[in-house]
């Protein structure tokens, strides 16, 4: 099954400079696994993740960006966001806040690297949506505050959040949990029978 794994992180700020290689390695590991990388089609750490995925030759996975813009023109001229590293861009037309929700809800799992307030929004959306959530510890920003945050604020599935300091190992752990979650899902069923057996994001 081709999972959609979202990399969420800061578009700017100190964690971009400090953790860009970690984000790059996350994207690379996701592409090498055959999963689809999803990001906010933005700059900063998500962009480095997209570059990492794009660098993999003969990759089985693809890179999909969820843009806050409503068109390619708006994406480039108004938001001034990148385009080259994506196999496909979904122009949501929902601005940043709406884009965040659509991005997370369209993904099977979310991995936080670094991160500021927008990443917190995506993290909270993933937790509330009962998505598989991974956190790359040591990447600064939100990522390193998550254990303290969840220790002090009750959240659904907090005990199931996956932590690691190694990008490839974290991706491997996330995929292992996804495999367990969808163990009973038969993706070879005819389309008409899918409603009776769950959905990809169910």
N, C-alpha and C. Protein backbone atom coordinates (compact mmCIF):
# COMPACT_ATOMS: atom_id res chain seq x y z
N UNK A 1 0.85 -1.19 0.00
CA UNK A 1 0.00 0.00 0.00
C UNK A 1 0.88 1.24 0.00
N UNK A 2 0.57 2.22 -0.84
CA UNK A 2 1.33 3.46 -0.88
C UNK A 2 0.78 4.45 0.13
N UNK A 3 1.45 4.57 1.26
CA UNK A 3 1.02 5.51 2.28
C UNK A 3 1.39 6.93 1.89
N UNK A 4 0.62 7.88 2.41
CA UNK A 4 0.94 9.30 2.23
C UNK A 4 1.45 9.82 3.57
N UNK A 5 2.72 10.19 3.61
CA UNK A 5 3.35 10.64 4.84
C UNK A 5 3.70 12.12 4.72
N UNK A 6 3.13 12.90 5.61
CA UNK A 6 3.34 14.36 5.60
C UNK A 6 4.54 14.74 6.45
N UNK A 7 5.41 15.56 5.90
CA UNK A 7 6.49 16.16 6.69
C UNK A 7 6.09 17.60 6.99
N UNK A 8 5.98 17.90 8.28
CA UNK A 8 5.57 19.22 8.75
C UNK A 8 6.74 19.88 9.47
N UNK A 9 7.03 21.13 9.11
CA UNK A 9 8.13 21.83 9.76
C UNK A 9 8.12 23.30 9.43
N UNK A 10 9.03 24.04 10.04
CA UNK A 10 9.08 25.49 9.88
C UNK A 10 9.44 25.90 8.46
N UNK A 11 8.77 26.96 7.98
CA UNK A 11 9.09 27.52 6.68
C UNK A 11 10.28 28.48 6.78
N UNK A 12 10.51 29.01 7.96
CA UNK A 12 11.64 29.91 8.18
C UNK A 12 12.01 29.87 9.66
N UNK A 13 13.10 30.57 10.00
CA UNK A 13 13.52 30.60 11.40
C UNK A 13 14.74 29.74 11.67
N UNK A 14 15.12 29.68 12.92
CA UNK A 14 16.39 29.05 13.29
C UNK A 14 16.43 27.55 13.00
N UNK A 15 15.28 26.87 13.10
CA UNK A 15 15.31 25.42 12.88
C UNK A 15 15.57 25.06 11.42
N UNK A 16 15.28 25.96 10.51
CA UNK A 16 15.54 25.68 9.10
C UNK A 16 17.04 25.57 8.86
N UNK A 17 17.77 26.50 9.41
CA UNK A 17 19.22 26.47 9.26
C UNK A 17 19.83 25.29 10.01
N UNK A 18 19.30 25.01 11.19
CA UNK A 18 19.88 23.96 12.04
C UNK A 18 19.51 22.55 11.59
N UNK A 19 18.33 22.38 11.02
CA UNK A 19 17.82 21.03 10.78
C UNK A 19 17.46 20.73 9.33
N UNK A 20 17.96 21.54 8.39
CA UNK A 20 17.59 21.30 6.98
C UNK A 20 18.07 19.93 6.49
N UNK A 21 19.22 19.46 6.96
CA UNK A 21 19.71 18.14 6.53
C UNK A 21 18.82 17.03 7.07
N UNK A 22 18.34 17.19 8.29
CA UNK A 22 17.43 16.21 8.86
C UNK A 22 16.13 16.12 8.05
N UNK A 23 15.60 17.28 7.64
CA UNK A 23 14.39 17.31 6.83
C UNK A 23 14.64 16.66 5.47
N UNK A 24 15.78 16.97 4.88
CA UNK A 24 16.17 16.38 3.59
C UNK A 24 16.22 14.86 3.71
N UNK A 25 16.83 14.37 4.78
CA UNK A 25 16.95 12.93 4.99
C UNK A 25 15.59 12.28 5.24
N UNK A 26 14.67 13.00 5.88
CA UNK A 26 13.31 12.49 6.06
C UNK A 26 12.63 12.26 4.72
N UNK A 27 12.68 13.30 3.86
CA UNK A 27 12.07 13.18 2.55
C UNK A 27 12.68 12.07 1.72
N UNK A 28 13.98 11.95 1.82
CA UNK A 28 14.69 10.90 1.08
C UNK A 28 14.26 9.52 1.55
N UNK A 29 14.17 9.35 2.87
CA UNK A 29 13.77 8.05 3.42
C UNK A 29 12.34 7.70 3.04
N UNK A 30 11.46 8.69 3.01
CA UNK A 30 10.06 8.44 2.62
C UNK A 30 9.98 7.99 1.17
N UNK A 31 10.73 8.67 0.29
CA UNK A 31 10.73 8.30 -1.13
C UNK A 31 11.34 6.92 -1.34
N UNK A 32 12.39 6.62 -0.62
CA UNK A 32 13.04 5.31 -0.74
C UNK A 32 12.14 4.19 -0.27
N UNK A 33 11.24 4.50 0.66
CA UNK A 33 10.33 3.48 1.18
C UNK A 33 9.21 3.15 0.21
N UNK A 34 9.01 4.03 -0.78
CA UNK A 34 7.92 3.85 -1.73
C UNK A 34 6.66 4.59 -1.35
N UNK A 35 6.70 5.29 -0.21
CA UNK A 35 5.53 6.07 0.21
C UNK A 35 5.49 7.40 -0.53
N UNK A 36 4.36 8.06 -0.47
CA UNK A 36 4.20 9.39 -1.06
C UNK A 36 4.48 10.44 0.00
N UNK A 37 5.39 11.37 -0.32
CA UNK A 37 5.66 12.49 0.58
C UNK A 37 4.64 13.58 0.33
N UNK A 38 4.00 14.06 1.38
CA UNK A 38 3.11 15.22 1.25
C UNK A 38 3.68 16.35 2.10
N UNK A 39 3.64 17.56 1.57
CA UNK A 39 4.09 18.74 2.30
C UNK A 39 3.17 19.91 1.95
N UNK A 40 3.42 21.04 2.59
CA UNK A 40 2.63 22.23 2.31
C UNK A 40 3.11 23.00 1.10
N UNK A 41 3.90 22.37 0.23
CA UNK A 41 4.40 23.00 -1.00
C UNK A 41 5.03 24.35 -0.70
N UNK A 42 5.77 24.39 0.39
CA UNK A 42 6.28 25.65 0.87
C UNK A 42 7.80 25.63 0.97
N UNK A 43 8.37 26.71 1.48
CA UNK A 43 9.81 26.81 1.65
C UNK A 43 10.22 26.21 3.01
N UNK A 44 11.49 26.36 3.37
CA UNK A 44 11.96 25.90 4.66
C UNK A 44 12.09 24.39 4.75
N UNK A 45 11.82 23.83 5.92
CA UNK A 45 12.03 22.41 6.16
C UNK A 45 11.18 21.50 5.26
N UNK A 46 9.89 21.81 5.00
CA UNK A 46 9.14 20.98 4.07
C UNK A 46 9.76 20.97 2.67
N UNK A 47 10.34 22.10 2.27
CA UNK A 47 10.98 22.18 0.96
C UNK A 47 12.22 21.30 0.91
N UNK A 48 12.99 21.29 2.00
CA UNK A 48 14.16 20.41 2.06
C UNK A 48 13.74 18.94 2.00
N UNK A 49 12.63 18.62 2.65
CA UNK A 49 12.12 17.25 2.58
C UNK A 49 11.74 16.89 1.14
N UNK A 50 11.10 17.84 0.45
CA UNK A 50 10.74 17.61 -0.95
C UNK A 50 11.98 17.43 -1.82
N UNK A 51 13.02 18.20 -1.53
CA UNK A 51 14.28 18.05 -2.26
C UNK A 51 14.89 16.68 -2.02
N UNK A 52 14.81 16.21 -0.76
CA UNK A 52 15.34 14.89 -0.44
C UNK A 52 14.61 13.80 -1.19
N UNK A 53 13.29 13.90 -1.26
CA UNK A 53 12.50 12.92 -2.01
C UNK A 53 12.82 12.98 -3.49
N UNK A 54 12.98 14.19 -4.01
CA UNK A 54 13.23 14.40 -5.44
C UNK A 54 14.61 13.89 -5.84
N UNK A 55 15.53 13.79 -4.88
CA UNK A 55 16.90 13.37 -5.18
C UNK A 55 17.04 11.87 -5.40
N UNK A 56 16.02 11.11 -5.00
CA UNK A 56 16.11 9.65 -5.08
C UNK A 56 15.86 9.18 -6.51
N UNK A 57 16.84 8.55 -7.08
CA UNK A 57 16.70 8.02 -8.44
C UNK A 57 15.86 6.75 -8.40
N UNK A 58 15.05 6.56 -9.43
CA UNK A 58 14.19 5.39 -9.53
C UNK A 58 13.29 5.23 -8.29
N UNK A 59 12.86 6.36 -7.76
CA UNK A 59 12.02 6.30 -6.56
C UNK A 59 10.64 5.75 -6.88
N UNK A 60 10.12 5.00 -5.95
CA UNK A 60 8.78 4.43 -6.11
C UNK A 60 7.73 5.41 -5.59
N UNK A 61 8.12 6.23 -4.62
CA UNK A 61 7.20 7.21 -4.06
C UNK A 61 7.24 8.51 -4.84
N UNK A 62 6.25 9.35 -4.62
CA UNK A 62 6.19 10.64 -5.30
C UNK A 62 6.10 11.75 -4.25
N UNK A 63 6.26 12.98 -4.70
CA UNK A 63 6.19 14.15 -3.83
C UNK A 63 5.00 15.01 -4.23
N UNK A 64 4.07 15.20 -3.30
CA UNK A 64 2.87 15.97 -3.57
C UNK A 64 2.83 17.18 -2.64
N UNK A 65 2.68 18.36 -3.22
CA UNK A 65 2.60 19.59 -2.43
C UNK A 65 1.17 20.08 -2.35
N UNK A 66 0.74 20.52 -1.17
CA UNK A 66 -0.59 21.11 -0.97
C UNK A 66 -0.40 22.61 -0.80
N UNK A 67 -0.75 23.35 -1.83
CA UNK A 67 -0.51 24.79 -1.85
C UNK A 67 -1.66 25.57 -1.22
N UNK A 68 -1.36 26.68 -0.55
CA UNK A 68 -2.42 27.55 -0.04
C UNK A 68 -3.09 28.33 -1.17
N UNK A 69 -2.46 28.36 -2.33
CA UNK A 69 -2.95 29.14 -3.46
C UNK A 69 -4.06 28.41 -4.22
N UNK A 70 -4.77 29.17 -5.04
CA UNK A 70 -5.85 28.59 -5.83
C UNK A 70 -5.42 28.27 -7.26
N UNK A 71 -4.19 28.66 -7.64
CA UNK A 71 -3.70 28.41 -9.00
C UNK A 71 -2.18 28.44 -9.00
N UNK A 72 -1.62 27.95 -10.08
CA UNK A 72 -0.17 27.97 -10.24
C UNK A 72 0.35 29.41 -10.21
N UNK A 73 -0.35 30.30 -10.89
CA UNK A 73 0.07 31.71 -10.93
C UNK A 73 0.10 32.32 -9.53
N UNK A 74 -0.96 32.07 -8.75
CA UNK A 74 -1.01 32.61 -7.40
C UNK A 74 0.06 31.98 -6.51
N UNK A 75 0.29 30.69 -6.69
CA UNK A 75 1.31 29.97 -5.94
C UNK A 75 2.68 30.62 -6.12
N UNK A 76 2.99 31.00 -7.36
CA UNK A 76 4.31 31.54 -7.67
C UNK A 76 4.40 33.04 -7.43
N UNK A 77 3.40 33.80 -7.88
CA UNK A 77 3.52 35.26 -7.84
C UNK A 77 3.04 35.90 -6.53
N UNK A 78 2.06 35.29 -5.87
CA UNK A 78 1.53 35.87 -4.63
C UNK A 78 2.23 35.24 -3.41
N UNK A 79 2.20 33.92 -3.36
CA UNK A 79 2.80 33.24 -2.21
C UNK A 79 4.31 33.04 -2.36
N UNK A 80 4.79 33.10 -3.60
CA UNK A 80 6.23 32.93 -3.90
C UNK A 80 6.76 31.61 -3.35
N UNK A 81 6.11 30.55 -3.73
CA UNK A 81 6.47 29.22 -3.26
C UNK A 81 7.09 28.38 -4.38
N UNK A 82 7.88 27.37 -4.01
CA UNK A 82 8.60 26.56 -5.01
C UNK A 82 7.68 25.62 -5.78
N UNK A 83 8.18 25.14 -6.92
CA UNK A 83 7.40 24.24 -7.77
C UNK A 83 8.18 23.02 -8.26
N UNK A 84 9.46 23.16 -8.44
CA UNK A 84 10.28 22.17 -9.15
C UNK A 84 10.29 20.81 -8.48
N UNK A 85 10.32 20.78 -7.15
CA UNK A 85 10.52 19.52 -6.44
C UNK A 85 9.28 18.66 -6.26
N UNK A 86 8.18 19.06 -6.87
CA UNK A 86 6.93 18.33 -6.67
C UNK A 86 6.49 17.63 -7.95
N UNK A 87 6.04 16.38 -7.80
CA UNK A 87 5.47 15.66 -8.93
C UNK A 87 4.06 16.17 -9.23
N UNK A 88 3.43 16.68 -8.19
CA UNK A 88 2.05 17.17 -8.33
C UNK A 88 1.80 18.22 -7.25
N UNK A 89 1.10 19.28 -7.60
CA UNK A 89 0.72 20.29 -6.61
C UNK A 89 -0.80 20.40 -6.58
N UNK A 90 -1.36 20.27 -5.39
CA UNK A 90 -2.79 20.43 -5.18
C UNK A 90 -3.03 21.88 -4.77
N UNK A 91 -3.63 22.66 -5.65
CA UNK A 91 -3.89 24.08 -5.35
C UNK A 91 -5.21 24.16 -4.59
N UNK A 92 -5.10 24.23 -3.27
CA UNK A 92 -6.29 24.13 -2.41
C UNK A 92 -7.14 25.40 -2.42
N UNK A 93 -6.50 26.55 -2.61
CA UNK A 93 -7.23 27.82 -2.54
C UNK A 93 -7.76 28.11 -1.15
N UNK A 94 -7.15 27.51 -0.12
CA UNK A 94 -7.68 27.61 1.24
C UNK A 94 -6.80 28.43 2.17
N UNK A 95 -5.83 29.19 1.60
CA UNK A 95 -4.86 29.94 2.40
C UNK A 95 -4.11 28.97 3.31
N UNK A 96 -3.30 29.51 4.22
CA UNK A 96 -2.43 28.63 4.99
C UNK A 96 -3.19 27.76 6.01
N UNK A 97 -4.13 28.35 6.72
CA UNK A 97 -4.83 27.59 7.76
C UNK A 97 -5.64 26.45 7.17
N UNK A 98 -6.42 26.75 6.13
CA UNK A 98 -7.22 25.72 5.47
C UNK A 98 -6.35 24.69 4.79
N UNK A 99 -5.26 25.15 4.18
CA UNK A 99 -4.32 24.24 3.54
C UNK A 99 -3.77 23.23 4.54
N UNK A 100 -3.43 23.70 5.73
CA UNK A 100 -2.87 22.81 6.75
C UNK A 100 -3.81 21.65 7.06
N UNK A 101 -5.09 21.98 7.24
CA UNK A 101 -6.08 20.95 7.57
C UNK A 101 -6.23 19.96 6.42
N UNK A 102 -6.34 20.48 5.21
CA UNK A 102 -6.51 19.62 4.04
C UNK A 102 -5.30 18.71 3.85
N UNK A 103 -4.11 19.25 4.07
CA UNK A 103 -2.87 18.49 3.94
C UNK A 103 -2.84 17.33 4.93
N UNK A 104 -3.09 17.63 6.18
CA UNK A 104 -3.02 16.60 7.22
C UNK A 104 -4.11 15.55 7.05
N UNK A 105 -5.33 16.01 6.76
CA UNK A 105 -6.44 15.07 6.60
C UNK A 105 -6.27 14.18 5.38
N UNK A 106 -5.47 14.62 4.41
CA UNK A 106 -5.22 13.83 3.20
C UNK A 106 -4.04 12.89 3.35
N UNK A 107 -3.39 12.90 4.51
CA UNK A 107 -2.21 12.08 4.74
C UNK A 107 -2.54 10.96 5.73
N UNK A 108 -1.79 9.86 5.63
CA UNK A 108 -1.97 8.74 6.55
C UNK A 108 -1.19 8.94 7.84
N UNK A 109 -0.11 9.70 7.75
CA UNK A 109 0.73 9.95 8.92
C UNK A 109 1.38 11.31 8.78
N UNK A 110 1.84 11.84 9.91
CA UNK A 110 2.53 13.13 9.92
C UNK A 110 3.81 13.00 10.74
N UNK A 111 4.90 13.57 10.21
CA UNK A 111 6.15 13.62 10.94
C UNK A 111 6.54 15.08 11.12
N UNK A 112 6.76 15.47 12.38
CA UNK A 112 7.15 16.84 12.70
C UNK A 112 8.66 16.94 12.81
N UNK A 113 9.23 17.92 12.09
CA UNK A 113 10.66 18.22 12.18
C UNK A 113 10.78 19.73 12.44
N UNK A 114 11.52 20.11 13.49
CA UNK A 114 11.57 21.54 13.83
C UNK A 114 10.16 22.04 14.10
N UNK A 115 9.82 23.18 13.53
CA UNK A 115 8.43 23.62 13.59
C UNK A 115 8.18 24.86 14.42
N UNK A 116 7.18 25.63 13.93
CA UNK A 116 6.71 26.83 14.63
C UNK A 116 5.20 26.69 14.83
N UNK A 117 4.48 27.80 14.88
CA UNK A 117 3.05 27.77 15.18
C UNK A 117 2.25 27.02 14.12
N UNK A 118 2.60 27.21 12.83
CA UNK A 118 1.89 26.49 11.77
C UNK A 118 2.05 24.99 11.91
N UNK A 119 3.25 24.56 12.31
CA UNK A 119 3.50 23.13 12.53
C UNK A 119 2.70 22.61 13.72
N UNK A 120 2.53 23.47 14.73
CA UNK A 120 1.70 23.09 15.88
C UNK A 120 0.26 22.87 15.44
N UNK A 121 -0.22 23.72 14.54
CA UNK A 121 -1.57 23.55 14.01
C UNK A 121 -1.71 22.22 13.28
N UNK A 122 -0.71 21.89 12.47
CA UNK A 122 -0.74 20.62 11.74
C UNK A 122 -0.63 19.44 12.70
N UNK A 123 0.23 19.57 13.71
CA UNK A 123 0.39 18.51 14.70
C UNK A 123 -0.92 18.27 15.45
N UNK A 124 -1.55 19.34 15.89
CA UNK A 124 -2.82 19.22 16.61
C UNK A 124 -3.91 18.61 15.73
N UNK A 125 -3.93 19.01 14.46
CA UNK A 125 -4.92 18.45 13.53
C UNK A 125 -4.69 16.95 13.36
N UNK A 126 -3.43 16.54 13.26
CA UNK A 126 -3.12 15.12 13.11
C UNK A 126 -3.53 14.32 14.35
N UNK A 127 -3.24 14.87 15.53
CA UNK A 127 -3.61 14.20 16.78
C UNK A 127 -5.12 14.06 16.89
N UNK A 128 -5.83 15.16 16.63
CA UNK A 128 -7.29 15.15 16.72
C UNK A 128 -7.92 14.26 15.65
N UNK A 129 -7.23 14.10 14.53
CA UNK A 129 -7.74 13.26 13.45
C UNK A 129 -7.31 11.81 13.59
N UNK A 130 -6.62 11.50 14.69
CA UNK A 130 -6.15 10.15 14.98
C UNK A 130 -5.26 9.59 13.89
N UNK A 131 -4.39 10.45 13.37
CA UNK A 131 -3.39 10.02 12.40
C UNK A 131 -2.19 9.43 13.14
N UNK A 132 -1.39 8.67 12.45
CA UNK A 132 -0.12 8.21 13.00
C UNK A 132 0.82 9.42 13.02
N UNK A 133 1.43 9.69 14.17
CA UNK A 133 2.25 10.89 14.32
C UNK A 133 3.66 10.51 14.77
N UNK A 134 4.66 11.03 14.06
CA UNK A 134 6.05 10.85 14.43
C UNK A 134 6.69 12.20 14.71
N UNK A 135 7.69 12.22 15.58
CA UNK A 135 8.38 13.46 15.94
C UNK A 135 9.88 13.21 15.87
N UNK A 136 10.58 14.04 15.11
CA UNK A 136 12.02 13.92 14.99
C UNK A 136 12.70 14.74 16.08
N UNK A 137 13.02 14.09 17.17
CA UNK A 137 13.65 14.77 18.29
C UNK A 137 15.06 15.25 17.91
N UNK A 138 15.47 16.36 18.50
CA UNK A 138 16.78 16.92 18.20
C UNK A 138 16.77 17.87 17.03
N UNK A 139 15.58 18.10 16.45
CA UNK A 139 15.48 19.00 15.30
C UNK A 139 15.06 20.41 15.71
N UNK A 140 14.86 20.63 17.02
CA UNK A 140 14.55 21.96 17.52
C UNK A 140 13.08 22.33 17.41
N UNK A 141 12.78 23.56 17.80
CA UNK A 141 11.42 24.10 17.67
C UNK A 141 10.36 23.22 18.32
N UNK A 142 9.22 23.13 17.66
CA UNK A 142 8.09 22.37 18.18
C UNK A 142 8.46 20.93 18.49
N UNK A 143 9.22 20.30 17.59
CA UNK A 143 9.54 18.88 17.75
C UNK A 143 10.10 18.56 19.13
N UNK A 144 10.99 19.41 19.62
CA UNK A 144 11.62 19.14 20.91
C UNK A 144 10.74 19.52 22.10
N UNK A 145 9.64 20.25 21.83
CA UNK A 145 8.71 20.61 22.89
C UNK A 145 7.53 19.64 22.99
N UNK A 146 7.37 18.80 21.99
CA UNK A 146 6.21 17.90 21.97
C UNK A 146 6.11 17.01 23.21
N UNK A 147 7.19 16.35 23.65
CA UNK A 147 7.06 15.51 24.85
C UNK A 147 6.54 16.28 26.06
N UNK A 148 7.04 17.51 26.27
CA UNK A 148 6.58 18.34 27.38
C UNK A 148 5.13 18.75 27.18
N UNK A 149 4.79 19.12 25.95
CA UNK A 149 3.43 19.53 25.62
C UNK A 149 2.44 18.42 25.95
N UNK A 150 2.74 17.21 25.50
CA UNK A 150 1.81 16.10 25.69
C UNK A 150 1.81 15.59 27.12
N UNK A 151 2.85 15.92 27.86
CA UNK A 151 2.89 15.54 29.27
C UNK A 151 1.96 16.42 30.08
N UNK A 152 1.74 17.64 29.61
CA UNK A 152 0.96 18.62 30.37
C UNK A 152 -0.41 18.92 29.80
N UNK A 153 -0.67 18.52 28.55
CA UNK A 153 -1.97 18.76 27.92
C UNK A 153 -2.53 17.44 27.42
N UNK A 154 -3.70 17.09 27.91
CA UNK A 154 -4.32 15.83 27.51
C UNK A 154 -4.67 15.87 26.02
N UNK A 155 -4.30 14.80 25.33
CA UNK A 155 -4.57 14.73 23.88
C UNK A 155 -4.83 13.28 23.49
N UNK A 156 -5.76 13.06 22.55
CA UNK A 156 -6.05 11.68 22.12
C UNK A 156 -4.83 11.06 21.44
N UNK A 157 -4.49 9.85 21.84
CA UNK A 157 -3.39 9.15 21.19
C UNK A 157 -2.01 9.66 21.54
N UNK A 158 -1.90 10.46 22.60
CA UNK A 158 -0.60 11.04 22.97
C UNK A 158 0.43 9.96 23.25
N UNK A 159 0.01 8.87 23.88
CA UNK A 159 0.95 7.81 24.24
C UNK A 159 1.44 7.04 23.01
N UNK A 160 0.76 7.23 21.88
CA UNK A 160 1.12 6.49 20.67
C UNK A 160 2.04 7.29 19.73
N UNK A 161 2.36 8.53 20.09
CA UNK A 161 3.26 9.33 19.25
C UNK A 161 4.63 8.65 19.20
N UNK A 162 5.20 8.61 18.02
CA UNK A 162 6.46 7.91 17.78
C UNK A 162 7.61 8.91 17.78
N UNK A 163 8.65 8.61 18.56
CA UNK A 163 9.80 9.51 18.66
C UNK A 163 11.07 8.81 18.18
N UNK A 164 11.94 9.58 17.55
CA UNK A 164 13.29 9.10 17.23
C UNK A 164 14.14 10.29 16.86
N UNK A 165 15.45 10.10 16.91
CA UNK A 165 16.39 11.16 16.53
C UNK A 165 16.99 10.92 15.15
N UNK A 166 16.69 9.76 14.56
CA UNK A 166 17.24 9.38 13.26
C UNK A 166 16.12 9.39 12.21
N UNK A 167 16.25 10.20 11.14
CA UNK A 167 15.17 10.31 10.14
C UNK A 167 14.76 8.98 9.51
N UNK A 168 15.72 8.20 9.04
CA UNK A 168 15.39 6.93 8.37
C UNK A 168 14.73 5.96 9.33
N UNK A 169 15.23 5.92 10.54
CA UNK A 169 14.66 5.01 11.54
C UNK A 169 13.25 5.44 11.93
N UNK A 170 13.02 6.74 12.01
CA UNK A 170 11.68 7.24 12.34
C UNK A 170 10.69 6.89 11.25
N UNK A 171 11.08 7.06 9.99
CA UNK A 171 10.21 6.70 8.87
C UNK A 171 9.89 5.20 8.92
N UNK A 172 10.89 4.40 9.21
CA UNK A 172 10.70 2.95 9.31
C UNK A 172 9.69 2.61 10.42
N UNK A 173 9.79 3.28 11.55
CA UNK A 173 8.86 3.05 12.66
C UNK A 173 7.44 3.45 12.28
N UNK A 174 7.31 4.60 11.62
CA UNK A 174 5.99 5.08 11.21
C UNK A 174 5.34 4.10 10.24
N UNK A 175 6.10 3.62 9.28
CA UNK A 175 5.56 2.68 8.29
C UNK A 175 5.18 1.36 8.96
N UNK A 176 5.96 0.94 9.92
CA UNK A 176 5.63 -0.30 10.65
C UNK A 176 4.29 -0.17 11.35
N UNK A 177 4.03 0.99 11.97
CA UNK A 177 2.74 1.20 12.64
C UNK A 177 1.61 1.29 11.62
N UNK A 178 1.87 1.94 10.48
CA UNK A 178 0.87 2.01 9.42
C UNK A 178 0.53 0.61 8.90
N UNK A 179 1.54 -0.21 8.72
CA UNK A 179 1.31 -1.59 8.26
C UNK A 179 0.41 -2.34 9.24
N UNK A 180 0.66 -2.14 10.53
CA UNK A 180 -0.17 -2.81 11.54
C UNK A 180 -1.60 -2.27 11.51
N UNK A 181 -1.74 -0.96 11.31
CA UNK A 181 -3.06 -0.33 11.29
C UNK A 181 -3.90 -0.86 10.12
N UNK A 182 -3.26 -1.08 8.99
CA UNK A 182 -3.98 -1.51 7.79
C UNK A 182 -3.79 -2.98 7.47
N UNK A 183 -3.44 -3.76 8.50
CA UNK A 183 -3.17 -5.18 8.29
C UNK A 183 -4.35 -5.92 7.70
N UNK A 184 -5.58 -5.53 8.11
CA UNK A 184 -6.78 -6.22 7.64
C UNK A 184 -7.39 -5.57 6.40
N UNK A 185 -6.68 -4.61 5.81
CA UNK A 185 -7.22 -3.90 4.65
C UNK A 185 -6.81 -4.59 3.37
N UNK A 186 -7.80 -5.02 2.59
CA UNK A 186 -7.53 -5.70 1.33
C UNK A 186 -7.65 -4.70 0.19
N UNK A 187 -6.50 -4.19 -0.30
CA UNK A 187 -6.54 -3.16 -1.33
C UNK A 187 -6.78 -3.73 -2.73
N UNK A 188 -6.97 -5.04 -2.83
CA UNK A 188 -7.25 -5.65 -4.13
C UNK A 188 -8.75 -5.88 -4.34
N UNK A 189 -9.56 -5.42 -3.38
CA UNK A 189 -11.01 -5.59 -3.50
C UNK A 189 -11.55 -4.73 -4.64
N UNK A 190 -12.62 -5.19 -5.30
CA UNK A 190 -13.28 -4.33 -6.30
C UNK A 190 -13.76 -3.05 -5.64
N UNK A 191 -13.82 -1.97 -6.42
CA UNK A 191 -14.19 -0.65 -5.89
C UNK A 191 -15.51 -0.69 -5.14
N UNK A 192 -16.47 -1.44 -5.63
CA UNK A 192 -17.80 -1.49 -5.01
C UNK A 192 -17.80 -2.05 -3.60
N UNK A 193 -16.74 -2.79 -3.23
CA UNK A 193 -16.69 -3.42 -1.93
C UNK A 193 -15.91 -2.63 -0.89
N UNK A 194 -15.26 -1.52 -1.32
CA UNK A 194 -14.43 -0.77 -0.41
C UNK A 194 -15.19 -0.22 0.77
N UNK A 195 -16.43 0.21 0.55
CA UNK A 195 -17.23 0.81 1.61
C UNK A 195 -17.44 -0.14 2.78
N UNK A 196 -17.41 -1.45 2.50
CA UNK A 196 -17.64 -2.44 3.54
C UNK A 196 -16.37 -2.88 4.26
N UNK A 197 -15.24 -2.38 3.79
CA UNK A 197 -13.98 -2.87 4.35
C UNK A 197 -13.04 -1.75 4.76
N UNK A 198 -13.56 -0.56 4.93
CA UNK A 198 -12.71 0.55 5.37
C UNK A 198 -12.14 1.32 4.19
N UNK A 199 -11.54 2.46 4.48
CA UNK A 199 -10.93 3.29 3.45
C UNK A 199 -9.47 3.53 3.79
N UNK A 200 -8.73 4.05 2.83
CA UNK A 200 -7.31 4.27 3.04
C UNK A 200 -7.05 5.14 4.25
N UNK A 201 -7.82 6.22 4.41
CA UNK A 201 -7.60 7.13 5.52
C UNK A 201 -8.55 6.87 6.70
N UNK A 202 -9.20 5.74 6.68
CA UNK A 202 -10.19 5.47 7.71
C UNK A 202 -9.59 4.98 9.01
